[in-house]
Amino acid sequence: GRASAVDIAQRWTNDGQADQRLRHAADLALAQASAGLTDPSRLHKLATWFDAVNRTRDLLRTTVRADLAVTELLLAWREGERPARSRGTR
């Protein structure tokens, strides 16, 4: 079955291992790019994903709810969109 992004985010963050999981996701993205397995036209998207994962990891060290930060990241990845930037100012 397909779990929702919210369900996955809650599972990833409930055991205190979210940072490790996100680090692994960022390392995997970097390894794919470094190995030349990524089409050059997708490198920007991969770099954006790598940056978004690391920004989400940084959020885990704040008072932001970890499950919400990870949910946003997973939804952006699933939809193939650029992860949302800070919404505080325009």
C-alpha atoms as a PDB file:
ATOM      1  CA  GLY A   1       0.000   0.000   0.000  1.00  0.00           C
ATOM      2  CA  ARG A   2       0.836   3.647  -0.171  1.00  0.00           C
ATOM      3  CA  ALA A   3       1.186   5.481   3.088  1.00  0.00           C
ATOM      4  CA  SER A   4       0.511   9.189   3.226  1.00  0.00           C
ATOM      5  CA  ALA A   5       3.326  11.674   3.661  1.00  0.00           C
ATOM      6  CA  VAL A   6       1.919  12.558   7.087  1.00  0.00           C
ATOM      7  CA  ASP A   7       1.995   8.905   8.203  1.00  0.00           C
ATOM      8  CA  ILE A   8       5.551   8.443   6.974  1.00  0.00           C
ATOM      9  CA  ALA A   9       6.717  11.688   8.581  1.00  0.00           C
ATOM     10  CA  GLN A  10       5.201  10.671  11.900  1.00  0.00           C
ATOM     11  CA  ARG A  11       6.925   7.289  11.735  1.00  0.00           C
ATOM     12  CA  TRP A  12      10.239   8.901  10.815  1.00  0.00           C
ATOM     13  CA  THR A  13      10.068  11.396  13.680  1.00  0.00           C
ATOM     14  CA  ASN A  14       8.467   9.365  16.478  1.00  0.00           C
ATOM     15  CA  ASP A  15      11.587   7.382  17.322  1.00  0.00           C
ATOM     16  CA  GLY A  16      14.102  10.223  17.365  1.00  0.00           C
ATOM     17  CA  GLN A  17      15.909   9.005  14.236  1.00  0.00           C
ATOM     18  CA  ALA A  18      14.595  11.638  11.778  1.00  0.00           C
ATOM     19  CA  ASP A  19      17.940  13.434  11.510  1.00  0.00           C
ATOM     20  CA  GLN A  20      19.694  10.190  10.621  1.00  0.00           C
ATOM     21  CA  ARG A  21      17.040   9.317   8.025  1.00  0.00           C
ATOM     22  CA  LEU A  22      17.247  12.760   6.435  1.00  0.00           C
ATOM     23  CA  ARG A  23      21.052  12.636   6.412  1.00  0.00           C
ATOM     24  CA  HIS A  24      20.827   9.306   4.597  1.00  0.00           C
ATOM     25  CA  ALA A  25      18.394  10.798   2.046  1.00  0.00           C
ATOM     26  CA  ALA A  26      20.745  13.732   1.404  1.00  0.00           C
ATOM     27  CA  ASP A  27      23.748  11.419   1.086  1.00  0.00           C
ATOM     28  CA  LEU A  28      21.843   9.221  -1.359  1.00  0.00           C
ATOM     29  CA  ALA A  29      20.966  12.231  -3.523  1.00  0.00           C
ATOM     30  CA  LEU A  30      24.597  13.351  -3.493  1.00  0.00           C
ATOM     31  CA  ALA A  31      25.847   9.859  -4.337  1.00  0.00           C
ATOM     32  CA  GLN A  32      23.492   9.591  -7.305  1.00  0.00           C
ATOM     33  CA  ALA A  33      24.711  12.899  -8.675  1.00  0.00           C
ATOM     34  CA  SER A  34      28.374  12.070  -8.036  1.00  0.00           C
ATOM     35  CA  ALA A  35      28.106   8.663  -9.673  1.00  0.00           C
ATOM     36  CA  GLY A  36      26.926  10.221 -12.908  1.00  0.00           C
ATOM     37  CA  LEU A  37      23.686   8.275 -12.709  1.00  0.00           C
ATOM     38  CA  THR A  38      21.639  11.431 -12.944  1.00  0.00           C
ATOM     39  CA  ASP A  39      20.682  13.020 -16.226  1.00  0.00           C
ATOM     40  CA  PRO A  40      22.405  16.432 -16.386  1.00  0.00           C
ATOM     41  CA  SER A  41      19.025  18.099 -16.875  1.00  0.00           C
ATOM     42  CA  ARG A  42      17.962  16.763 -13.455  1.00  0.00           C
ATOM     43  CA  LEU A  43      21.023  17.912 -11.524  1.00  0.00           C
ATOM     44  CA  HIS A  44      19.415  21.198 -10.479  1.00  0.00           C
ATOM     45  CA  LYS A  45      16.386  19.348  -9.136  1.00  0.00           C
ATOM     46  CA  LEU A  46      18.643  16.939  -7.256  1.00  0.00           C
ATOM     47  CA  ALA A  47      20.671  19.808  -5.793  1.00  0.00           C
ATOM     48  CA  THR A  48      17.458  21.512  -4.712  1.00  0.00           C
ATOM     49  CA  TRP A  49      16.329  18.303  -3.001  1.00  0.00           C
ATOM     50  CA  PHE A  50      19.701  17.936  -1.251  1.00  0.00           C
ATOM     51  CA  ASP A  51      19.432  21.511   0.059  1.00  0.00           C
ATOM     52  CA  ALA A  52      15.832  20.998   1.173  1.00  0.00           C
ATOM     53  CA  VAL A  53      16.733  17.863   3.109  1.00  0.00           C
ATOM     54  CA  ASN A  54      19.499  19.695   4.932  1.00  0.00           C
ATOM     55  CA  ARG A  55      17.225  22.673   5.700  1.00  0.00           C
ATOM     56  CA  THR A  56      14.694  20.241   7.142  1.00  0.00           C
ATOM     57  CA  ARG A  57      17.434  18.660   9.252  1.00  0.00           C
ATOM     58  CA  ASP A  58      18.244  22.126  10.580  1.00  0.00           C
ATOM     59  CA  LEU A  59      14.578  22.629  11.468  1.00  0.00           C
ATOM     60  CA  LEU A  60      14.694  19.489  13.611  1.00  0.00           C
ATOM     61  CA  ARG A  61      16.954  21.408  15.995  1.00  0.00           C
ATOM     62  CA  THR A  62      14.316  24.123  16.531  1.00  0.00           C
ATOM     63  CA  THR A  63      10.893  24.239  18.132  1.00  0.00           C
ATOM     64  CA  VAL A  64       9.197  23.436  14.815  1.00  0.00           C
ATOM     65  CA  ARG A  65       7.267  20.177  14.987  1.00  0.00           C
ATOM     66  CA  ALA A  66       9.507  17.621  13.327  1.00  0.00           C
ATOM     67  CA  ASP A  67       6.629  15.687  11.788  1.00  0.00           C
ATOM     68  CA  LEU A  68       5.334  18.814  10.033  1.00  0.00           C
ATOM     69  CA  ALA A  69       8.759  19.747   8.664  1.00  0.00           C
ATOM     70  CA  VAL A  70       9.295  16.232   7.319  1.00  0.00           C
ATOM     71  CA  THR A  71       5.746  16.096   5.923  1.00  0.00           C
ATOM     72  CA  GLU A  72       6.374  19.262   3.913  1.00  0.00           C
ATOM     73  CA  LEU A  73       9.609  17.806   2.546  1.00  0.00           C
ATOM     74  CA  LEU A  74       7.988  14.497   1.592  1.00  0.00           C
ATOM     75  CA  LEU A  75       5.032  16.197  -0.082  1.00  0.00           C
ATOM     76  CA  ALA A  76       7.361  18.378  -2.140  1.00  0.00           C
ATOM     77  CA  TRP A  77       9.385  15.338  -3.154  1.00  0.00           C
ATOM     78  CA  ARG A  78       6.298  13.314  -4.056  1.00  0.00           C
ATOM     79  CA  GLU A  79       4.841  16.110  -6.143  1.00  0.00           C
ATOM     80  CA  GLY A  80       8.168  16.825  -7.807  1.00  0.00           C
ATOM     81  CA  GLU A  81       7.961  20.456  -6.788  1.00  0.00           C
ATOM     82  CA  ARG A  82      10.610  22.667  -5.334  1.00  0.00           C
ATOM     83  CA  PRO A  83      10.396  22.565  -1.563  1.00  0.00           C
ATOM     84  CA  ALA A  84       8.715  25.647  -0.161  1.00  0.00           C
ATOM     85  CA  ARG A  85      10.952  28.442   1.067  1.00  0.00           C
ATOM     86  CA  SER A  86      10.349  30.352   4.259  1.00  0.00           C
ATOM     87  CA  ARG A  87       6.878  31.804   4.223  1.00  0.00           C
ATOM     88  CA  GLY A  88       7.590  34.577   6.719  1.00  0.00           C
ATOM     89  CA  THR A  89       8.336  37.369   4.250  1.00  0.00           C
ATOM     90  CA  ARG A  90       7.788  37.924   0.572  1.00  0.00           C
END
